[in-house]
Structures are given as C-alpha cells and as structure tokens.
Amino acid sequence: MNFNDLIGTIGVGIILIAYFLNMFSFIANNGKLFYLLNIIGASIACFASYLIDYIPFVLLEATWAIVSVIGLIKNYKINP
C-alpha cells in the first residue's frame, strides 16, 4: 500500500466510522461529532484524490466536506 492509498483509506475509514456510529445510534446524524468526522474524513479523502489526480472524487469529497461544514455551522447556531 503506497502513501496515496493509505491517506485515502484513512479518510474513507473515518467517513465510514461516522456512518456506522450513526446507523447504530451511537451518535446523532445532526450532532457535532457526526459533522466533524465527516469534515475530517472527506477532507483527507479529498486530498488523497488530489494526490492521484482523480478530479471527480476531489469534487465529491470537497462537496461532502463543505456540506458538513455548513451542517456544523447550522448546528452551532441552533445549539450553541
């Protein structure tokens, strides 16, 4: 496994952990931890996609991260 694969695996792994924790009700899908895990995971996966020059996934992961940032901001406005 090379560096790019390792970085991508970590990023996608964090996103999948967030999804798993949400699906089994360990964390709320509108909670700060869910958003933070998605922001971190998507940002890392976006970077890995950039490293391998695969623009479709750069766009996908960047969008995922941005939407999660927006969700986190909205969450902070509702629950300061």
PDB file of N, CA and C in Angstrom:
ATOM      1  N   MET A   1       0.856  -1.172   0.000  1.00  0.00           N
ATOM      2  CA  MET A   1       0.000   0.000   0.000  1.00  0.00           C
ATOM      3  C   MET A   1       0.903   1.237   0.000  1.00  0.00           C
ATOM      4  N   ASN A   2       0.683   2.108  -0.984  1.00  0.00           N
ATOM      5  CA  ASN A   2       1.504   3.313  -1.038  1.00  0.00           C
ATOM      6  C   ASN A   2       0.875   4.437  -0.212  1.00  0.00           C
ATOM      7  N   PHE A   3       1.564   5.571  -0.173  1.00  0.00           N
ATOM      8  CA  PHE A   3       1.133   6.715   0.635  1.00  0.00           C
ATOM      9  C   PHE A   3      -0.268   7.185   0.248  1.00  0.00           C
ATOM     10  N   ASN A   4      -0.525   7.312  -1.047  1.00  0.00           N
ATOM     11  CA  ASN A   4      -1.838   7.784  -1.505  1.00  0.00           C
ATOM     12  C   ASN A   4      -2.956   6.852  -1.056  1.00  0.00           C
ATOM     13  N   ASP A   5      -2.717   5.554  -1.167  1.00  0.00           N
ATOM     14  CA  ASP A   5      -3.709   4.570  -0.731  1.00  0.00           C
ATOM     15  C   ASP A   5      -3.952   4.662   0.767  1.00  0.00           C
ATOM     16  N   LEU A   6      -2.892   4.827   1.518  1.00  0.00           N
ATOM     17  CA  LEU A   6      -3.013   4.919   2.978  1.00  0.00           C
ATOM     18  C   LEU A   6      -3.831   6.140   3.381  1.00  0.00           C
ATOM     19  N   ILE A   7      -3.520   7.287   2.794  1.00  0.00           N
ATOM     20  CA  ILE A   7      -4.257   8.514   3.108  1.00  0.00           C
ATOM     21  C   ILE A   7      -5.735   8.353   2.726  1.00  0.00           C
ATOM     22  N   GLY A   8      -6.000   7.835   1.547  1.00  0.00           N
ATOM     23  CA  GLY A   8      -7.381   7.623   1.105  1.00  0.00           C
ATOM     24  C   GLY A   8      -8.138   6.662   2.002  1.00  0.00           C
ATOM     25  N   THR A   9      -7.474   5.607   2.407  1.00  0.00           N
ATOM     26  CA  THR A   9      -8.105   4.616   3.286  1.00  0.00           C
ATOM     27  C   THR A   9      -8.460   5.226   4.637  1.00  0.00           C
ATOM     28  N   ILE A  10      -7.586   6.031   5.166  1.00  0.00           N
ATOM     29  CA  ILE A  10      -7.860   6.695   6.446  1.00  0.00           C
ATOM     30  C   ILE A  10      -9.067   7.623   6.309  1.00  0.00           C
ATOM     31  N   GLY A  11      -9.082   8.432   5.249  1.00  0.00           N
ATOM     32  CA  GLY A  11     -10.191   9.362   5.050  1.00  0.00           C
ATOM     33  C   GLY A  11     -11.523   8.663   4.890  1.00  0.00           C
ATOM     34  N   VAL A  12     -11.561   7.676   4.020  1.00  0.00           N
ATOM     35  CA  VAL A  12     -12.797   6.936   3.796  1.00  0.00           C
ATOM     36  C   VAL A  12     -13.182   6.157   5.054  1.00  0.00           C
ATOM     37  N   GLY A  13     -12.197   5.647   5.761  1.00  0.00           N
ATOM     38  CA  GLY A  13     -12.468   4.930   7.008  1.00  0.00           C
ATOM     39  C   GLY A  13     -13.156   5.806   8.039  1.00  0.00           C
ATOM     40  N   ILE A  14     -12.728   7.061   8.143  1.00  0.00           N
ATOM     41  CA  ILE A  14     -13.352   7.988   9.095  1.00  0.00           C
ATOM     42  C   ILE A  14     -14.801   8.264   8.695  1.00  0.00           C
ATOM     43  N   ILE A  15     -15.037   8.448   7.403  1.00  0.00           N
ATOM     44  CA  ILE A  15     -16.410   8.659   6.930  1.00  0.00           C
ATOM     45  C   ILE A  15     -17.269   7.435   7.253  1.00  0.00           C
ATOM     46  N   LEU A  16     -16.737   6.239   7.023  1.00  0.00           N
ATOM     47  CA  LEU A  16     -17.497   5.017   7.295  1.00  0.00           C
ATOM     48  C   LEU A  16     -17.742   4.821   8.788  1.00  0.00           C
ATOM     49  N   ILE A  17     -16.789   5.208   9.611  1.00  0.00           N
ATOM     50  CA  ILE A  17     -16.989   5.140  11.068  1.00  0.00           C
ATOM     51  C   ILE A  17     -18.139   6.051  11.476  1.00  0.00           C
ATOM     52  N   ALA A  18     -18.167   7.284  10.918  1.00  0.00           N
ATOM     53  CA  ALA A  18     -19.261   8.208  11.224  1.00  0.00           C
ATOM     54  C   ALA A  18     -20.598   7.599  10.817  1.00  0.00           C
ATOM     55  N   TYR A  19     -20.633   7.005   9.631  1.00  0.00           N
ATOM     56  CA  TYR A  19     -21.862   6.390   9.134  1.00  0.00           C
ATOM     57  C   TYR A  19     -22.285   5.221  10.038  1.00  0.00           C
ATOM     58  N   PHE A  20     -21.348   4.361  10.394  1.00  0.00           N
ATOM     59  CA  PHE A  20     -21.628   3.215  11.263  1.00  0.00           C
ATOM     60  C   PHE A  20     -22.163   3.686  12.618  1.00  0.00           C
ATOM     61  N   LEU A  21     -21.477   4.658  13.226  1.00  0.00           N
ATOM     62  CA  LEU A  21     -21.900   5.161  14.535  1.00  0.00           C
ATOM     63  C   LEU A  21     -23.300   5.763  14.464  1.00  0.00           C
ATOM     64  N   ASN A  22     -23.599   6.425  13.370  1.00  0.00           N
ATOM     65  CA  ASN A  22     -24.923   6.996  13.187  1.00  0.00           C
ATOM     66  C   ASN A  22     -25.976   5.915  12.980  1.00  0.00           C
ATOM     67  N   MET A  23     -25.692   4.954  12.133  1.00  0.00           N
ATOM     68  CA  MET A  23     -26.674   3.908  11.817  1.00  0.00           C
ATOM     69  C   MET A  23     -27.061   3.084  13.044  1.00  0.00           C
ATOM     70  N   PHE A  24     -26.126   2.916  13.971  1.00  0.00           N
ATOM     71  CA  PHE A  24     -26.411   2.136  15.172  1.00  0.00           C
ATOM     72  C   PHE A  24     -26.702   3.024  16.375  1.00  0.00           C
ATOM     73  N   SER A  25     -27.032   4.291  16.082  1.00  0.00           N
ATOM     74  CA  SER A  25     -27.494   5.264  17.085  1.00  0.00           C
ATOM     75  C   SER A  25     -26.482   5.545  18.199  1.00  0.00           C
ATOM     76  N   PHE A  26     -25.198   5.431  17.892  1.00  0.00           N
ATOM     77  CA  PHE A  26     -24.186   5.825  18.870  1.00  0.00           C
ATOM     78  C   PHE A  26     -23.962   7.336  18.837  1.00  0.00           C
ATOM     79  N   ILE A  27     -24.211   7.943  17.676  1.00  0.00           N
ATOM     80  CA  ILE A  27     -24.150   9.394  17.533  1.00  0.00           C
ATOM     81  C   ILE A  27     -25.339   9.842  16.680  1.00  0.00           C
ATOM     82  N   ALA A  28     -25.749  11.084  16.884  1.00  0.00           N
ATOM     83  CA  ALA A  28     -26.874  11.633  16.121  1.00  0.00           C
ATOM     84  C   ALA A  28     -26.402  12.109  14.755  1.00  0.00           C
ATOM     85  N   ASN A  29     -27.278  11.994  13.767  1.00  0.00           N
ATOM     86  CA  ASN A  29     -26.899  12.427  12.424  1.00  0.00           C
ATOM     87  C   ASN A  29     -26.875  13.945  12.283  1.00  0.00           C
ATOM     88  N   ASN A  30     -27.319  14.659  13.270  1.00  0.00           N
ATOM     89  CA  ASN A  30     -27.229  16.115  13.251  1.00  0.00           C
ATOM     90  C   ASN A  30     -26.376  16.632  14.409  1.00  0.00           C
ATOM     91  N   GLY A  31     -25.543  15.753  14.956  1.00  0.00           N
ATOM     92  CA  GLY A  31     -24.679  16.128  16.067  1.00  0.00           C
ATOM     93  C   GLY A  31     -23.321  16.629  15.598  1.00  0.00           C
ATOM     94  N   LYS A  32     -22.660  17.342  16.476  1.00  0.00           N
ATOM     95  CA  LYS A  32     -21.356  17.923  16.144  1.00  0.00           C
ATOM     96  C   LYS A  32     -20.315  16.863  15.786  1.00  0.00           C
ATOM     97  N   LEU A  33     -20.302  15.751  16.500  1.00  0.00           N
ATOM     98  CA  LEU A  33     -19.320  14.704  16.227  1.00  0.00           C
ATOM     99  C   LEU A  33     -19.514  14.117  14.831  1.00  0.00           C
ATOM    100  N   PHE A  34     -20.751  13.900  14.439  1.00  0.00           N
ATOM    101  CA  PHE A  34     -21.034  13.369  13.104  1.00  0.00           C
ATOM    102  C   PHE A  34     -20.491  14.312  12.028  1.00  0.00           C
ATOM    103  N   TYR A  35     -20.767  15.605  12.182  1.00  0.00           N
ATOM    104  CA  TYR A  35     -20.271  16.580  11.214  1.00  0.00           C
ATOM    105  C   TYR A  35     -18.751  16.646  11.212  1.00  0.00           C
ATOM    106  N   LEU A  36     -18.154  16.642  12.388  1.00  0.00           N
ATOM    107  CA  LEU A  36     -16.690  16.722  12.469  1.00  0.00           C
ATOM    108  C   LEU A  36     -16.016  15.518  11.823  1.00  0.00           C
ATOM    109  N   LEU A  37     -16.533  14.336  12.083  1.00  0.00           N
ATOM    110  CA  LEU A  37     -15.963  13.140  11.461  1.00  0.00           C
ATOM    111  C   LEU A  37     -16.078  13.199   9.944  1.00  0.00           C
ATOM    112  N   ASN A  38     -17.211  13.679   9.460  1.00  0.00           N
ATOM    113  CA  ASN A  38     -17.392  13.801   8.017  1.00  0.00           C
ATOM    114  C   ASN A  38     -16.473  14.862   7.414  1.00  0.00           C
ATOM    115  N   ILE A  39     -16.290  15.970   8.097  1.00  0.00           N
ATOM    116  CA  ILE A  39     -15.391  17.016   7.606  1.00  0.00           C
ATOM    117  C   ILE A  39     -13.958  16.490   7.530  1.00  0.00           C
ATOM    118  N   ILE A  40     -13.512  15.858   8.591  1.00  0.00           N
ATOM    119  CA  ILE A  40     -12.139  15.342   8.633  1.00  0.00           C
ATOM    120  C   ILE A  40     -11.948  14.244   7.589  1.00  0.00           C
ATOM    121  N   GLY A  41     -12.855  13.267   7.583  1.00  0.00           N
ATOM    122  CA  GLY A  41     -12.737  12.149   6.643  1.00  0.00           C
ATOM    123  C   GLY A  41     -12.805  12.591   5.194  1.00  0.00           C
ATOM    124  N   ALA A  42     -13.763  13.452   4.871  1.00  0.00           N
ATOM    125  CA  ALA A  42     -13.916  13.906   3.492  1.00  0.00           C
ATOM    126  C   ALA A  42     -12.730  14.758   3.059  1.00  0.00           C
ATOM    127  N   SER A  43     -12.198  15.568   3.961  1.00  0.00           N
ATOM    128  CA  SER A  43     -11.043  16.394   3.619  1.00  0.00           C
ATOM    129  C   SER A  43      -9.811  15.533   3.336  1.00  0.00           C
ATOM    130  N   ILE A  44      -9.608  14.518   4.141  1.00  0.00           N
ATOM    131  CA  ILE A  44      -8.481  13.613   3.920  1.00  0.00           C
ATOM    132  C   ILE A  44      -8.668  12.837   2.615  1.00  0.00           C
ATOM    133  N   ALA A  45      -9.878  12.336   2.386  1.00  0.00           N
ATOM    134  CA  ALA A  45     -10.156  11.607   1.141  1.00  0.00           C
ATOM    135  C   ALA A  45     -10.020  12.530  -0.074  1.00  0.00           C
ATOM    136  N   CYS A  46     -10.409  13.780   0.079  1.00  0.00           N
ATOM    137  CA  CYS A  46     -10.261  14.762  -0.997  1.00  0.00           C
ATOM    138  C   CYS A  46      -8.785  14.959  -1.328  1.00  0.00           C
ATOM    139  N   PHE A  47      -7.972  15.083  -0.307  1.00  0.00           N
ATOM    140  CA  PHE A  47      -6.531  15.240  -0.508  1.00  0.00           C
ATOM    141  C   PHE A  47      -5.944  14.018  -1.218  1.00  0.00           C
ATOM    142  N   ALA A  48      -6.359  12.834  -0.798  1.00  0.00           N
ATOM    143  CA  ALA A  48      -5.869  11.613  -1.437  1.00  0.00           C
ATOM    144  C   ALA A  48      -6.284  11.562  -2.906  1.00  0.00           C
ATOM    145  N   SER A  49      -7.502  11.988  -3.198  1.00  0.00           N
ATOM    146  CA  SER A  49      -7.968  12.016  -4.586  1.00  0.00           C
ATOM    147  C   SER A  49      -7.167  13.024  -5.403  1.00  0.00           C
ATOM    148  N   TYR A  50      -6.829  14.125  -4.787  1.00  0.00           N
ATOM    149  CA  TYR A  50      -5.984  15.129  -5.446  1.00  0.00           C
ATOM    150  C   TYR A  50      -4.603  14.545  -5.756  1.00  0.00           C
ATOM    151  N   LEU A  51      -4.060  13.793  -4.807  1.00  0.00           N
ATOM    152  CA  LEU A  51      -2.731  13.203  -4.996  1.00  0.00           C
ATOM    153  C   LEU A  51      -2.686  12.255  -6.188  1.00  0.00           C
ATOM    154  N   ILE A  52      -3.780  11.554  -6.434  1.00  0.00           N
ATOM    155  CA  ILE A  52      -3.809  10.634  -7.576  1.00  0.00           C
ATOM    156  C   ILE A  52      -4.417  11.288  -8.813  1.00  0.00           C
ATOM    157  N   ASP A  53      -4.717  12.592  -8.695  1.00  0.00           N
ATOM    158  CA  ASP A  53      -5.222  13.381  -9.813  1.00  0.00           C
ATOM    159  C   ASP A  53      -6.523  12.814 -10.365  1.00  0.00           C
ATOM    160  N   TYR A  54      -7.449  12.495  -9.455  1.00  0.00           N
ATOM    161  CA  TYR A  54      -8.756  11.984  -9.861  1.00  0.00           C
ATOM    162  C   TYR A  54      -9.815  13.022  -9.483  1.00  0.00           C
ATOM    163  N   ILE A  55     -10.057  13.933 -10.396  1.00  0.00           N
ATOM    164  CA  ILE A  55     -10.877  15.113 -10.155  1.00  0.00           C
ATOM    165  C   ILE A  55     -12.327  14.789  -9.762  1.00  0.00           C
ATOM    166  N   PRO A  56     -12.978  13.769 -10.339  1.00  0.00           N
ATOM    167  CA  PRO A  56     -14.356  13.504  -9.902  1.00  0.00           C
ATOM    168  C   PRO A  56     -14.470  13.278  -8.397  1.00  0.00           C
ATOM    169  N   PHE A  57     -13.523  12.571  -7.813  1.00  0.00           N
ATOM    170  CA  PHE A  57     -13.585  12.333  -6.376  1.00  0.00           C
ATOM    171  C   PHE A  57     -13.079  13.522  -5.572  1.00  0.00           C
ATOM    172  N   VAL A  58     -12.226  14.338  -6.148  1.00  0.00           N
ATOM    173  CA  VAL A  58     -11.859  15.598  -5.492  1.00  0.00           C
ATOM    174  C   VAL A  58     -13.127  16.429  -5.314  1.00  0.00           C
ATOM    175  N   LEU A  59     -13.910  16.548  -6.376  1.00  0.00           N
ATOM    176  CA  LEU A  59     -15.159  17.318  -6.309  1.00  0.00           C
ATOM    177  C   LEU A  59     -16.154  16.689  -5.337  1.00  0.00           C
ATOM    178  N   LEU A  60     -16.299  15.371  -5.387  1.00  0.00           N
ATOM    179  CA  LEU A  60     -17.226  14.683  -4.491  1.00  0.00           C
ATOM    180  C   LEU A  60     -16.850  14.902  -3.029  1.00  0.00           C
ATOM    181  N   GLU A  61     -15.607  14.646  -2.704  1.00  0.00           N
ATOM    182  CA  GLU A  61     -15.178  14.748  -1.301  1.00  0.00           C
ATOM    183  C   GLU A  61     -15.146  16.192  -0.827  1.00  0.00           C
ATOM    184  N   ALA A  62     -14.785  17.128  -1.707  1.00  0.00           N
ATOM    185  CA  ALA A  62     -14.803  18.540  -1.329  1.00  0.00           C
ATOM    186  C   ALA A  62     -16.232  18.989  -1.040  1.00  0.00           C
ATOM    187  N   THR A  63     -17.166  18.539  -1.875  1.00  0.00           N
ATOM    188  CA  THR A  63     -18.578  18.873  -1.651  1.00  0.00           C
ATOM    189  C   THR A  63     -19.062  18.279  -0.340  1.00  0.00           C
ATOM    190  N   TRP A  64     -18.683  17.031  -0.085  1.00  0.00           N
ATOM    191  CA  TRP A  64     -19.070  16.353   1.163  1.00  0.00           C
ATOM    192  C   TRP A  64     -18.546  17.148   2.369  1.00  0.00           C
ATOM    193  N   ALA A  65     -17.314  17.585   2.303  1.00  0.00           N
ATOM    194  CA  ALA A  65     -16.725  18.348   3.398  1.00  0.00           C
ATOM    195  C   ALA A  65     -17.421  19.701   3.577  1.00  0.00           C
ATOM    196  N   ILE A  66     -17.683  20.390   2.472  1.00  0.00           N
ATOM    197  CA  ILE A  66     -18.324  21.707   2.544  1.00  0.00           C
ATOM    198  C   ILE A  66     -19.742  21.601   3.111  1.00  0.00           C
ATOM    199  N   VAL A  67     -20.492  20.619   2.650  1.00  0.00           N
ATOM    200  CA  VAL A  67     -21.851  20.422   3.170  1.00  0.00           C
ATOM    201  C   VAL A  67     -21.804  20.107   4.662  1.00  0.00           C
ATOM    202  N   SER A  68     -20.820  19.334   5.088  1.00  0.00           N
ATOM    203  CA  SER A  68     -20.679  19.016   6.510  1.00  0.00           C
ATOM    204  C   SER A  68     -20.302  20.250   7.321  1.00  0.00           C
ATOM    205  N   VAL A  69     -19.473  21.115   6.764  1.00  0.00           N
ATOM    206  CA  VAL A  69     -19.131  22.377   7.446  1.00  0.00           C
ATOM    207  C   VAL A  69     -20.393  23.218   7.613  1.00  0.00           C
ATOM    208  N   ILE A  70     -21.197  23.300   6.573  1.00  0.00           N
ATOM    209  CA  ILE A  70     -22.456  24.052   6.649  1.00  0.00           C
ATOM    210  C   ILE A  70     -23.377  23.451   7.709  1.00  0.00           C
ATOM    211  N   GLY A  71     -23.463  22.127   7.747  1.00  0.00           N
ATOM    212  CA  GLY A  71     -24.267  21.460   8.770  1.00  0.00           C
ATOM    213  C   GLY A  71     -23.761  21.743  10.170  1.00  0.00           C
ATOM    214  N   LEU A  72     -22.445  21.749  10.340  1.00  0.00           N
ATOM    215  CA  LEU A  72     -21.866  22.039  11.654  1.00  0.00           C
ATOM    216  C   LEU A  72     -22.167  23.474  12.067  1.00  0.00           C
ATOM    217  N   ILE A  73     -22.048  24.409  11.141  1.00  0.00           N
ATOM    218  CA  ILE A  73     -22.351  25.814  11.449  1.00  0.00           C
ATOM    219  C   ILE A  73     -23.814  25.972  11.847  1.00  0.00           C
ATOM    220  N   LYS A  74     -24.703  25.343  11.090  1.00  0.00           N
ATOM    221  CA  LYS A  74     -26.125  25.410  11.426  1.00  0.00           C
ATOM    222  C   LYS A  74     -26.385  24.790  12.794  1.00  0.00           C
ATOM    223  N   ASN A  75     -25.683  23.698  13.111  1.00  0.00           N
ATOM    224  CA  ASN A  75     -25.841  23.048  14.403  1.00  0.00           C
ATOM    225  C   ASN A  75     -25.410  23.974  15.530  1.00  0.00           C
ATOM    226  N   TYR A  76     -24.302  24.688  15.337  1.00  0.00           N
ATOM    227  CA  TYR A  76     -23.828  25.619  16.359  1.00  0.00           C
ATOM    228  C   TYR A  76     -24.801  26.781  16.550  1.00  0.00           C
ATOM    229  N   LYS A  77     -25.466  27.215  15.501  1.00  0.00           N
ATOM    230  CA  LYS A  77     -26.437  28.305  15.624  1.00  0.00           C
ATOM    231  C   LYS A  77     -27.660  27.846  16.407  1.00  0.00           C
ATOM    232  N   ILE A  78     -28.049  26.591  16.229  1.00  0.00           N
ATOM    233  CA  ILE A  78     -29.224  26.052  16.926  1.00  0.00           C
ATOM    234  C   ILE A  78     -28.871  25.666  18.366  1.00  0.00           C
ATOM    235  N   ASN A  79     -27.704  25.025  18.546  1.00  0.00           N
ATOM    236  CA  ASN A  79     -27.264  24.532  19.866  1.00  0.00           C
ATOM    237  C   ASN A  79     -25.913  25.119  20.229  1.00  0.00           C
ATOM    238  N   PRO A  80     -25.849  26.365  20.645  1.00  0.00           N
ATOM    239  CA  PRO A  80     -24.528  26.986  20.926  1.00  0.00           C
ATOM    240  C   PRO A  80     -23.788  26.370  22.095  1.00  0.00           C
TER     241      PRO A  80
END
